[in-house]
């Protein structure tokens, strides 16, 4: 079993916890399968361990130290990103602020094949907003291509040039016809 961490471990700091003669086991292995540290390489964060089957080199973050009672000794280093164990929020936690961060404010992705859905305020107003730019950036009718006398009509954002077909908005209703042909 290999250790799968999602954060960075300062292996040079962690290697200072190991010394020659320590009893260690690879992460996830029984303590009966332990070995004794024969060399510590702090610059590269590696430790050589002597087992009954021979010597092997391990990264320090893949090893557990075993104390005198045969229990795994947890590391004393701090691998929290940024080094801060707790971040204080002014005014304390607020469910309304958390909920507001995930509130859908404009046209959002709803189904496979890039199908979007309008929010309730957009449905009542009858006009979708740009999903990239957000509220205050309504999508306007635009003509994308003109071939053989016919044109492909899309909805477009003037701010970021986001383009979408009317058919790709699941709950799209009739909107007032405002056509722009390359005007900025």
N, C-alpha and C. Protein backbone atom coordinates (compact mmCIF):
# COMPACT_ATOMS: atom_id res chain seq x y z
N UNK A 1 0.85 -1.19 0.00
CA UNK A 1 0.00 0.00 0.00
C UNK A 1 0.89 1.24 0.00
N UNK A 2 0.67 2.13 -0.94
CA UNK A 2 1.45 3.36 -1.04
C UNK A 2 0.65 4.52 -0.49
N UNK A 3 1.34 5.47 0.09
CA UNK A 3 0.70 6.67 0.62
C UNK A 3 0.36 7.57 -0.56
N UNK A 4 -0.86 8.09 -0.58
CA UNK A 4 -1.29 8.98 -1.65
C UNK A 4 -1.71 10.30 -1.03
N UNK A 5 -0.79 11.23 -0.94
CA UNK A 5 -1.08 12.53 -0.32
C UNK A 5 -1.52 13.51 -1.38
N UNK A 6 -2.36 14.45 -0.98
CA UNK A 6 -2.80 15.49 -1.89
C UNK A 6 -2.11 16.82 -1.59
N UNK A 7 -1.32 16.86 -0.53
CA UNK A 7 -0.59 18.08 -0.21
C UNK A 7 0.91 17.82 -0.25
N UNK A 8 1.66 18.88 -0.30
CA UNK A 8 3.11 18.75 -0.36
C UNK A 8 3.68 18.57 1.04
N UNK A 9 4.60 17.66 1.18
CA UNK A 9 5.28 17.41 2.46
C UNK A 9 6.70 17.94 2.33
N UNK A 10 7.12 18.71 3.32
CA UNK A 10 8.50 19.20 3.33
C UNK A 10 9.38 18.03 3.76
N UNK A 11 9.89 17.29 2.79
CA UNK A 11 10.61 16.06 3.08
C UNK A 11 11.92 16.33 3.80
N UNK A 12 12.52 17.51 3.61
CA UNK A 12 13.76 17.81 4.32
C UNK A 12 13.48 17.99 5.81
N UNK A 13 12.38 18.64 6.13
CA UNK A 13 12.00 18.80 7.53
C UNK A 13 11.59 17.45 8.13
N UNK A 14 10.83 16.67 7.38
CA UNK A 14 10.38 15.36 7.87
C UNK A 14 11.56 14.41 8.09
N UNK A 15 12.60 14.52 7.25
CA UNK A 15 13.74 13.60 7.39
C UNK A 15 14.53 13.86 8.67
N UNK A 16 14.40 15.04 9.28
CA UNK A 16 15.09 15.33 10.54
C UNK A 16 14.54 14.49 11.69
N UNK A 17 13.34 13.91 11.54
CA UNK A 17 12.76 13.08 12.59
C UNK A 17 13.37 11.68 12.62
N UNK A 18 14.04 11.29 11.55
CA UNK A 18 14.62 9.94 11.47
C UNK A 18 16.09 9.99 11.86
N UNK A 19 16.54 8.93 12.51
CA UNK A 19 17.96 8.79 12.83
C UNK A 19 18.35 7.33 12.68
N UNK A 20 19.64 7.09 12.51
CA UNK A 20 20.14 5.73 12.33
C UNK A 20 19.79 4.91 13.58
N UNK A 21 19.22 3.73 13.36
CA UNK A 21 18.83 2.85 14.45
C UNK A 21 17.33 2.86 14.73
N UNK A 22 16.60 3.84 14.21
CA UNK A 22 15.14 3.87 14.40
C UNK A 22 14.49 2.66 13.75
N UNK A 23 13.42 2.19 14.34
CA UNK A 23 12.64 1.10 13.76
C UNK A 23 11.49 1.74 12.99
N UNK A 24 11.34 1.36 11.73
CA UNK A 24 10.32 1.95 10.85
C UNK A 24 9.62 0.84 10.07
N UNK A 25 8.44 1.20 9.56
CA UNK A 25 7.72 0.34 8.62
C UNK A 25 7.23 1.19 7.47
N UNK A 26 7.16 0.63 6.29
CA UNK A 26 6.53 1.37 5.19
C UNK A 26 5.06 1.62 5.53
N UNK A 27 4.52 2.71 5.05
CA UNK A 27 3.15 3.10 5.33
C UNK A 27 2.18 1.97 4.96
N UNK A 28 1.31 1.60 5.89
CA UNK A 28 0.29 0.59 5.65
C UNK A 28 0.75 -0.84 5.85
N UNK A 29 1.98 -1.06 6.34
CA UNK A 29 2.50 -2.41 6.54
C UNK A 29 2.48 -2.72 8.04
N UNK A 30 2.28 -3.98 8.40
CA UNK A 30 2.27 -4.38 9.81
C UNK A 30 3.62 -4.08 10.46
N UNK A 31 3.58 -3.81 11.77
CA UNK A 31 4.82 -3.49 12.47
C UNK A 31 5.78 -4.67 12.52
N UNK A 32 5.26 -5.91 12.34
CA UNK A 32 6.12 -7.08 12.32
C UNK A 32 7.00 -7.11 11.07
N UNK A 33 6.66 -6.32 10.08
CA UNK A 33 7.42 -6.27 8.84
C UNK A 33 8.34 -5.04 8.81
N UNK A 34 8.70 -4.55 9.97
CA UNK A 34 9.51 -3.35 10.08
C UNK A 34 10.98 -3.62 9.82
N UNK A 35 11.71 -2.52 9.75
CA UNK A 35 13.14 -2.59 9.55
C UNK A 35 13.83 -1.52 10.37
N UNK A 36 15.17 -1.50 10.30
CA UNK A 36 15.95 -0.54 11.07
C UNK A 36 16.63 0.43 10.11
N UNK A 37 16.59 1.73 10.45
CA UNK A 37 17.19 2.78 9.62
C UNK A 37 18.70 2.62 9.65
N UNK A 38 19.31 2.56 8.46
CA UNK A 38 20.77 2.44 8.36
C UNK A 38 21.42 3.72 7.85
N UNK A 39 20.65 4.57 7.15
CA UNK A 39 21.20 5.85 6.66
C UNK A 39 20.04 6.81 6.42
N UNK A 40 20.30 8.09 6.69
CA UNK A 40 19.31 9.15 6.46
C UNK A 40 19.91 10.13 5.47
N UNK A 41 19.17 10.46 4.43
CA UNK A 41 19.60 11.40 3.40
C UNK A 41 18.66 12.61 3.43
N UNK A 42 18.91 13.57 4.33
CA UNK A 42 17.96 14.69 4.49
C UNK A 42 17.85 15.60 3.26
N UNK A 43 18.92 15.73 2.50
CA UNK A 43 18.87 16.63 1.34
C UNK A 43 17.89 16.15 0.28
N UNK A 44 17.78 14.82 0.15
CA UNK A 44 16.86 14.27 -0.85
C UNK A 44 15.62 13.65 -0.21
N UNK A 45 15.53 13.68 1.14
CA UNK A 45 14.36 13.17 1.83
C UNK A 45 14.20 11.67 1.73
N UNK A 46 15.29 10.95 1.74
CA UNK A 46 15.24 9.49 1.64
C UNK A 46 15.88 8.86 2.86
N UNK A 47 15.47 7.62 3.15
CA UNK A 47 15.99 6.86 4.28
C UNK A 47 16.28 5.44 3.79
N UNK A 48 17.47 4.91 4.13
CA UNK A 48 17.79 3.52 3.85
C UNK A 48 17.34 2.68 5.03
N UNK A 49 16.62 1.59 4.74
CA UNK A 49 16.08 0.74 5.78
C UNK A 49 16.56 -0.69 5.54
N UNK A 50 17.08 -1.33 6.60
CA UNK A 50 17.53 -2.72 6.53
C UNK A 50 16.40 -3.63 7.01
N UNK A 51 15.94 -4.50 6.11
CA UNK A 51 14.93 -5.51 6.41
C UNK A 51 15.62 -6.86 6.45
N UNK A 52 14.87 -7.89 6.80
CA UNK A 52 15.43 -9.25 6.79
C UNK A 52 15.76 -9.70 5.37
N UNK A 53 15.15 -9.06 4.38
CA UNK A 53 15.41 -9.44 2.98
C UNK A 53 16.44 -8.54 2.32
N UNK A 54 16.96 -7.55 3.04
CA UNK A 54 17.98 -6.67 2.48
C UNK A 54 17.68 -5.21 2.75
N UNK A 55 18.50 -4.34 2.19
CA UNK A 55 18.38 -2.91 2.41
C UNK A 55 17.60 -2.27 1.26
N UNK A 56 16.76 -1.28 1.60
CA UNK A 56 15.96 -0.60 0.58
C UNK A 56 15.83 0.87 0.95
N UNK A 57 15.80 1.73 -0.06
CA UNK A 57 15.68 3.18 0.15
C UNK A 57 14.22 3.60 -0.03
N UNK A 58 13.71 4.41 0.93
CA UNK A 58 12.32 4.88 0.92
C UNK A 58 12.28 6.40 1.04
N UNK A 59 11.27 7.05 0.46
CA UNK A 59 11.02 8.46 0.76
C UNK A 59 10.52 8.58 2.21
N UNK A 60 10.89 9.65 2.90
CA UNK A 60 10.52 9.77 4.32
C UNK A 60 9.01 9.85 4.51
N UNK A 61 8.28 10.37 3.55
CA UNK A 61 6.83 10.47 3.71
C UNK A 61 6.12 9.13 3.54
N UNK A 62 6.84 8.10 3.11
CA UNK A 62 6.26 6.76 2.97
C UNK A 62 6.60 5.85 4.14
N UNK A 63 7.24 6.38 5.19
CA UNK A 63 7.64 5.56 6.33
C UNK A 63 6.96 6.01 7.62
N UNK A 64 6.68 5.02 8.49
CA UNK A 64 6.17 5.29 9.83
C UNK A 64 7.23 4.85 10.83
N UNK A 65 7.49 5.70 11.82
CA UNK A 65 8.41 5.32 12.88
C UNK A 65 7.63 4.49 13.91
N UNK A 66 8.30 3.51 14.50
CA UNK A 66 7.69 2.65 15.52
C UNK A 66 8.36 2.98 16.86
N UNK A 67 7.54 3.25 17.89
CA UNK A 67 8.11 3.59 19.19
C UNK A 67 8.49 2.33 19.96
N UNK A 68 8.97 2.49 21.19
CA UNK A 68 9.43 1.36 22.01
C UNK A 68 8.34 0.36 22.35
N UNK A 69 7.06 0.77 22.33
CA UNK A 69 5.95 -0.12 22.65
C UNK A 69 5.40 -0.83 21.41
N UNK A 70 5.99 -0.57 20.25
CA UNK A 70 5.52 -1.21 19.02
C UNK A 70 4.40 -0.48 18.32
N UNK A 71 4.12 0.76 18.74
CA UNK A 71 3.06 1.56 18.11
C UNK A 71 3.66 2.54 17.11
N UNK A 72 2.87 2.86 16.09
CA UNK A 72 3.33 3.84 15.10
C UNK A 72 3.38 5.22 15.74
N UNK A 73 4.49 5.91 15.56
CA UNK A 73 4.66 7.26 16.10
C UNK A 73 4.34 8.26 15.00
N UNK A 74 3.33 9.12 15.17
CA UNK A 74 2.99 10.08 14.12
C UNK A 74 4.09 11.13 13.97
N UNK A 75 4.18 11.73 12.79
CA UNK A 75 5.20 12.75 12.58
C UNK A 75 4.90 14.02 13.37
N UNK A 76 5.93 14.79 13.64
CA UNK A 76 5.78 16.06 14.36
C UNK A 76 5.81 17.26 13.42
N UNK A 77 5.93 17.02 12.13
CA UNK A 77 6.00 18.11 11.17
C UNK A 77 4.59 18.56 10.80
N UNK A 78 4.51 19.73 10.18
CA UNK A 78 3.24 20.31 9.78
C UNK A 78 3.23 20.42 8.26
N UNK A 79 2.37 19.67 7.58
CA UNK A 79 2.33 19.71 6.12
C UNK A 79 1.06 20.41 5.60
N UNK A 80 0.47 21.27 6.42
CA UNK A 80 -0.69 22.03 5.99
C UNK A 80 -0.24 23.05 4.95
N UNK A 81 -0.93 23.14 3.79
CA UNK A 81 -0.52 24.12 2.79
C UNK A 81 -0.52 25.53 3.38
N UNK A 82 0.56 26.24 3.22
CA UNK A 82 0.68 27.59 3.76
C UNK A 82 1.19 27.60 5.19
N UNK A 83 1.18 26.44 5.86
CA UNK A 83 1.69 26.34 7.21
C UNK A 83 0.74 26.80 8.29
N UNK A 84 -0.47 27.21 7.94
CA UNK A 84 -1.41 27.69 8.92
C UNK A 84 -2.43 26.60 9.26
N UNK A 85 -2.52 26.22 10.54
CA UNK A 85 -3.47 25.17 10.89
C UNK A 85 -4.92 25.63 10.85
N UNK A 86 -5.21 26.90 11.15
CA UNK A 86 -6.58 27.40 11.19
C UNK A 86 -6.62 28.80 10.60
N UNK A 87 -7.64 29.06 9.84
CA UNK A 87 -7.85 30.39 9.29
C UNK A 87 -9.13 30.95 9.89
N UNK A 88 -9.04 32.10 10.52
CA UNK A 88 -10.20 32.72 11.15
C UNK A 88 -11.01 33.47 10.11
N UNK A 89 -12.33 33.35 10.20
CA UNK A 89 -13.23 34.07 9.32
C UNK A 89 -13.81 35.23 10.10
N UNK A 90 -13.68 36.48 9.60
CA UNK A 90 -14.24 37.61 10.33
C UNK A 90 -15.75 37.43 10.51
N UNK A 91 -16.22 37.55 11.74
CA UNK A 91 -17.64 37.40 12.00
C UNK A 91 -18.06 35.95 12.16
N UNK A 92 -17.13 35.03 12.09
CA UNK A 92 -17.45 33.61 12.25
C UNK A 92 -18.05 33.01 11.01
N UNK A 93 -18.28 31.70 11.04
CA UNK A 93 -18.86 31.05 9.87
C UNK A 93 -20.31 31.47 9.67
N UNK A 94 -20.70 31.57 8.43
CA UNK A 94 -22.06 31.98 8.11
C UNK A 94 -22.58 31.10 7.00
N UNK A 95 -23.68 30.39 7.27
CA UNK A 95 -24.24 29.52 6.25
C UNK A 95 -24.75 30.32 5.06
N UNK A 96 -25.25 31.53 5.30
CA UNK A 96 -25.78 32.32 4.19
C UNK A 96 -24.66 32.74 3.24
N UNK A 97 -23.46 33.04 3.78
CA UNK A 97 -22.35 33.41 2.91
C UNK A 97 -21.87 32.22 2.10
N UNK A 98 -21.84 31.05 2.71
CA UNK A 98 -21.42 29.86 2.00
C UNK A 98 -22.43 29.53 0.91
N UNK A 99 -23.71 29.61 1.24
CA UNK A 99 -24.75 29.31 0.26
C UNK A 99 -24.71 30.33 -0.88
N UNK A 100 -24.44 31.58 -0.57
CA UNK A 100 -24.40 32.61 -1.61
C UNK A 100 -23.25 32.37 -2.58
N UNK A 101 -22.17 31.76 -2.10
CA UNK A 101 -21.04 31.49 -2.98
C UNK A 101 -21.39 30.44 -4.04
N UNK A 102 -22.33 29.55 -3.73
CA UNK A 102 -22.70 28.49 -4.66
C UNK A 102 -24.01 28.77 -5.38
N UNK A 103 -24.59 29.93 -5.13
CA UNK A 103 -25.84 30.29 -5.79
C UNK A 103 -25.58 30.54 -7.26
N UNK A 104 -26.45 30.03 -8.09
CA UNK A 104 -26.29 30.22 -9.53
C UNK A 104 -26.82 31.60 -9.89
N UNK A 105 -25.94 32.42 -10.43
CA UNK A 105 -26.28 33.81 -10.70
C UNK A 105 -26.59 34.08 -12.17
N UNK A 106 -26.22 33.15 -13.03
CA UNK A 106 -26.50 33.34 -14.46
C UNK A 106 -26.62 31.97 -15.11
N UNK A 107 -26.79 32.00 -16.41
CA UNK A 107 -26.90 30.79 -17.21
C UNK A 107 -25.84 29.78 -16.76
N UNK A 108 -26.25 28.53 -16.49
CA UNK A 108 -25.29 27.55 -15.99
C UNK A 108 -25.40 26.23 -16.72
N UNK A 109 -24.30 25.47 -16.69
CA UNK A 109 -24.23 24.19 -17.37
C UNK A 109 -25.15 23.22 -16.66
N UNK A 110 -26.02 22.51 -17.43
CA UNK A 110 -27.03 21.67 -16.82
C UNK A 110 -27.00 20.22 -17.29
N UNK A 111 -26.64 19.97 -18.53
CA UNK A 111 -26.70 18.62 -19.07
C UNK A 111 -25.49 18.35 -19.94
N UNK A 112 -25.41 17.10 -20.40
CA UNK A 112 -24.33 16.72 -21.30
C UNK A 112 -24.45 17.48 -22.62
N UNK A 113 -23.39 17.45 -23.38
CA UNK A 113 -23.33 18.08 -24.70
C UNK A 113 -23.54 19.60 -24.62
N UNK A 114 -23.01 20.21 -23.57
CA UNK A 114 -23.02 21.67 -23.40
C UNK A 114 -24.41 22.26 -23.43
N UNK A 115 -25.33 21.64 -22.74
CA UNK A 115 -26.67 22.19 -22.58
C UNK A 115 -26.68 23.04 -21.32
N UNK A 116 -27.27 24.23 -21.42
CA UNK A 116 -27.30 25.17 -20.32
C UNK A 116 -28.74 25.38 -19.85
N UNK A 117 -28.90 25.93 -18.64
CA UNK A 117 -30.21 26.22 -18.07
C UNK A 117 -30.18 27.64 -17.53
N UNK A 118 -31.28 28.35 -17.73
CA UNK A 118 -31.40 29.71 -17.20
C UNK A 118 -31.83 29.66 -15.74
N UNK A 119 -31.39 30.64 -14.95
CA UNK A 119 -31.82 30.74 -13.56
C UNK A 119 -33.24 31.31 -13.51
N UNK A 120 -33.89 31.25 -12.34
CA UNK A 120 -35.26 31.75 -12.20
C UNK A 120 -35.36 33.24 -12.55
N UNK A 121 -34.43 34.09 -12.06
CA UNK A 121 -34.52 35.51 -12.45
C UNK A 121 -34.37 35.71 -13.96
N UNK A 122 -33.55 34.90 -14.61
CA UNK A 122 -33.38 35.03 -16.06
C UNK A 122 -34.65 34.58 -16.78
N UNK A 123 -35.29 33.52 -16.29
CA UNK A 123 -36.53 33.05 -16.91
C UNK A 123 -37.61 34.12 -16.79
N UNK A 124 -37.73 34.73 -15.60
CA UNK A 124 -38.75 35.78 -15.42
C UNK A 124 -38.45 37.01 -16.26
N UNK A 125 -37.16 37.34 -16.44
CA UNK A 125 -36.79 38.48 -17.28
C UNK A 125 -36.85 38.12 -18.76
N UNK A 126 -36.75 36.82 -19.07
CA UNK A 126 -36.80 36.37 -20.46
C UNK A 126 -35.50 36.52 -21.21
N UNK A 127 -34.40 36.78 -20.49
CA UNK A 127 -33.12 36.98 -21.15
C UNK A 127 -32.00 36.33 -20.34
N UNK A 128 -31.23 35.41 -20.93
CA UNK A 128 -30.13 34.80 -20.19
C UNK A 128 -28.93 35.73 -20.08
N UNK A 129 -28.19 35.58 -18.99
CA UNK A 129 -26.95 36.32 -18.79
C UNK A 129 -25.77 35.43 -19.18
N UNK A 130 -24.64 36.03 -19.43
CA UNK A 130 -23.44 35.31 -19.81
C UNK A 130 -22.94 34.46 -18.63
N UNK A 131 -22.65 33.16 -18.83
CA UNK A 131 -22.15 32.34 -17.73
C UNK A 131 -20.74 32.70 -17.30
N UNK A 132 -19.97 33.35 -18.15
CA UNK A 132 -18.60 33.74 -17.79
C UNK A 132 -18.57 35.10 -17.10
N UNK A 133 -19.32 36.05 -17.63
CA UNK A 133 -19.30 37.41 -17.09
C UNK A 133 -20.30 37.61 -15.96
N UNK A 134 -21.38 36.83 -15.91
CA UNK A 134 -22.35 36.89 -14.82
C UNK A 134 -23.45 37.91 -15.06
N UNK A 135 -24.07 38.34 -13.95
CA UNK A 135 -25.18 39.28 -14.02
C UNK A 135 -24.71 40.61 -14.60
N UNK A 136 -25.62 41.26 -15.30
CA UNK A 136 -25.29 42.53 -15.92
C UNK A 136 -24.73 42.40 -17.31
N UNK A 137 -24.55 41.18 -17.78
CA UNK A 137 -24.05 40.93 -19.13
C UNK A 137 -25.04 40.02 -19.86
N UNK A 138 -26.16 40.59 -20.34
CA UNK A 138 -27.15 39.75 -21.02
C UNK A 138 -26.65 39.28 -22.37
N UNK A 139 -27.07 38.09 -22.75
CA UNK A 139 -26.72 37.56 -24.06
C UNK A 139 -27.63 38.20 -25.09
N UNK A 140 -27.06 38.69 -26.16
CA UNK A 140 -27.81 39.35 -27.24
C UNK A 140 -27.82 38.45 -28.45
N UNK A 141 -28.85 38.60 -29.27
CA UNK A 141 -28.93 37.84 -30.51
C UNK A 141 -27.81 38.28 -31.44
N UNK A 142 -27.22 37.31 -32.12
CA UNK A 142 -26.12 37.59 -33.04
C UNK A 142 -26.23 36.64 -34.22
N UNK A 143 -25.69 37.05 -35.35
CA UNK A 143 -25.61 36.19 -36.53
C UNK A 143 -24.17 35.73 -36.64
N UNK A 144 -24.00 34.41 -36.60
CA UNK A 144 -22.65 33.86 -36.57
C UNK A 144 -22.09 33.64 -37.97
N UNK A 145 -22.80 32.91 -38.82
CA UNK A 145 -22.32 32.63 -40.17
C UNK A 145 -23.43 32.93 -41.16
N UNK A 146 -23.05 33.41 -42.31
CA UNK A 146 -24.02 33.63 -43.37
C UNK A 146 -23.50 32.86 -44.58
N UNK A 147 -24.19 31.77 -44.90
CA UNK A 147 -23.80 30.95 -46.04
C UNK A 147 -25.02 30.64 -46.89
N UNK A 148 -24.84 30.75 -48.16
CA UNK A 148 -25.91 30.43 -49.12
C UNK A 148 -27.24 31.10 -48.78
N UNK A 149 -27.20 32.33 -48.35
CA UNK A 149 -28.41 33.09 -48.07
C UNK A 149 -29.04 32.81 -46.72
N UNK A 150 -28.52 31.84 -45.98
CA UNK A 150 -29.07 31.58 -44.65
C UNK A 150 -28.00 31.88 -43.60
N UNK A 151 -28.45 32.23 -42.41
CA UNK A 151 -27.49 32.57 -41.35
C UNK A 151 -27.78 31.74 -40.11
N UNK A 152 -26.73 31.46 -39.40
CA UNK A 152 -26.84 30.71 -38.15
C UNK A 152 -26.98 31.73 -37.03
N UNK A 153 -28.09 31.67 -36.32
CA UNK A 153 -28.37 32.65 -35.27
C UNK A 153 -27.95 32.10 -33.92
N UNK A 154 -27.25 32.92 -33.18
CA UNK A 154 -26.74 32.54 -31.86
C UNK A 154 -27.07 33.62 -30.85
N UNK A 155 -26.79 33.32 -29.57
CA UNK A 155 -26.83 34.32 -28.52
C UNK A 155 -25.36 34.59 -28.17
N UNK A 156 -25.00 35.85 -27.98
CA UNK A 156 -23.60 36.19 -27.73
C UNK A 156 -23.43 37.23 -26.66
N UNK A 157 -22.29 37.18 -25.98
CA UNK A 157 -21.93 38.16 -24.96
C UNK A 157 -20.96 39.16 -25.59
N UNK A 158 -21.23 40.42 -25.41
CA UNK A 158 -20.34 41.45 -25.97
C UNK A 158 -19.05 41.56 -25.18
N UNK A 159 -19.07 41.13 -23.90
CA UNK A 159 -17.89 41.26 -23.06
C UNK A 159 -16.81 40.24 -23.37
N UNK A 160 -17.19 38.95 -23.45
CA UNK A 160 -16.18 37.90 -23.60
C UNK A 160 -16.36 37.08 -24.87
N UNK A 161 -17.35 37.41 -25.68
CA UNK A 161 -17.65 36.72 -26.94
C UNK A 161 -18.08 35.27 -26.72
N UNK A 162 -18.73 34.97 -25.59
CA UNK A 162 -19.32 33.66 -25.36
C UNK A 162 -20.48 33.51 -26.33
N UNK A 163 -20.52 32.39 -27.07
CA UNK A 163 -21.58 32.15 -28.05
C UNK A 163 -22.30 30.85 -27.72
N UNK A 164 -23.62 30.86 -27.92
CA UNK A 164 -24.42 29.67 -27.65
C UNK A 164 -25.65 29.69 -28.56
N UNK A 165 -26.09 28.51 -28.99
CA UNK A 165 -27.31 28.41 -29.78
C UNK A 165 -28.51 28.45 -28.85
N UNK A 166 -29.64 28.99 -29.35
CA UNK A 166 -30.86 29.01 -28.55
C UNK A 166 -31.26 27.61 -28.13
N UNK A 167 -31.07 26.63 -29.01
CA UNK A 167 -31.48 25.25 -28.73
C UNK A 167 -30.65 24.62 -27.62
N UNK A 168 -29.49 25.18 -27.30
CA UNK A 168 -28.65 24.63 -26.24
C UNK A 168 -29.01 25.17 -24.87
N UNK A 169 -29.98 26.07 -24.79
CA UNK A 169 -30.49 26.55 -23.51
C UNK A 169 -31.79 25.80 -23.26
N UNK A 170 -31.79 24.93 -22.25
CA UNK A 170 -32.88 23.99 -22.02
C UNK A 170 -34.22 24.69 -21.80
N UNK A 171 -34.27 25.70 -20.97
CA UNK A 171 -35.54 26.36 -20.64
C UNK A 171 -35.62 27.76 -21.24
N UNK A 172 -35.17 27.88 -22.47
CA UNK A 172 -35.16 29.18 -23.15
C UNK A 172 -36.53 29.49 -23.71
N UNK A 173 -37.03 30.69 -23.44
CA UNK A 173 -38.32 31.13 -23.95
C UNK A 173 -38.13 32.22 -24.97
N UNK A 174 -39.21 32.78 -25.46
CA UNK A 174 -39.09 33.86 -26.45
C UNK A 174 -38.45 35.10 -25.83
N UNK A 175 -37.52 35.67 -26.58
CA UNK A 175 -36.82 36.88 -26.15
C UNK A 175 -36.98 37.91 -27.25
N UNK A 176 -37.00 39.19 -26.87
CA UNK A 176 -37.13 40.23 -27.88
C UNK A 176 -35.97 40.14 -28.87
N UNK A 177 -36.29 40.31 -30.14
CA UNK A 177 -35.29 40.17 -31.20
C UNK A 177 -34.37 41.38 -31.24
N UNK A 178 -33.13 41.21 -30.85
CA UNK A 178 -32.11 42.25 -30.97
C UNK A 178 -30.96 41.59 -31.73
N UNK A 179 -30.75 42.00 -32.94
CA UNK A 179 -29.71 41.39 -33.75
C UNK A 179 -28.53 42.33 -33.85
N UNK A 180 -27.36 41.77 -33.66
CA UNK A 180 -26.13 42.51 -33.85
C UNK A 180 -25.31 41.78 -34.88
N UNK A 181 -24.82 42.51 -35.81
CA UNK A 181 -24.00 41.91 -36.84
C UNK A 181 -22.60 42.50 -36.78
N UNK A 182 -21.79 42.01 -35.83
CA UNK A 182 -20.41 42.45 -35.74
C UNK A 182 -20.24 43.82 -35.14
N UNK A 183 -21.28 44.43 -34.57
CA UNK A 183 -21.13 45.74 -33.95
C UNK A 183 -20.66 45.56 -32.52
N UNK A 184 -19.81 46.43 -31.99
CA UNK A 184 -19.26 46.33 -30.65
C UNK A 184 -19.78 47.28 -29.70
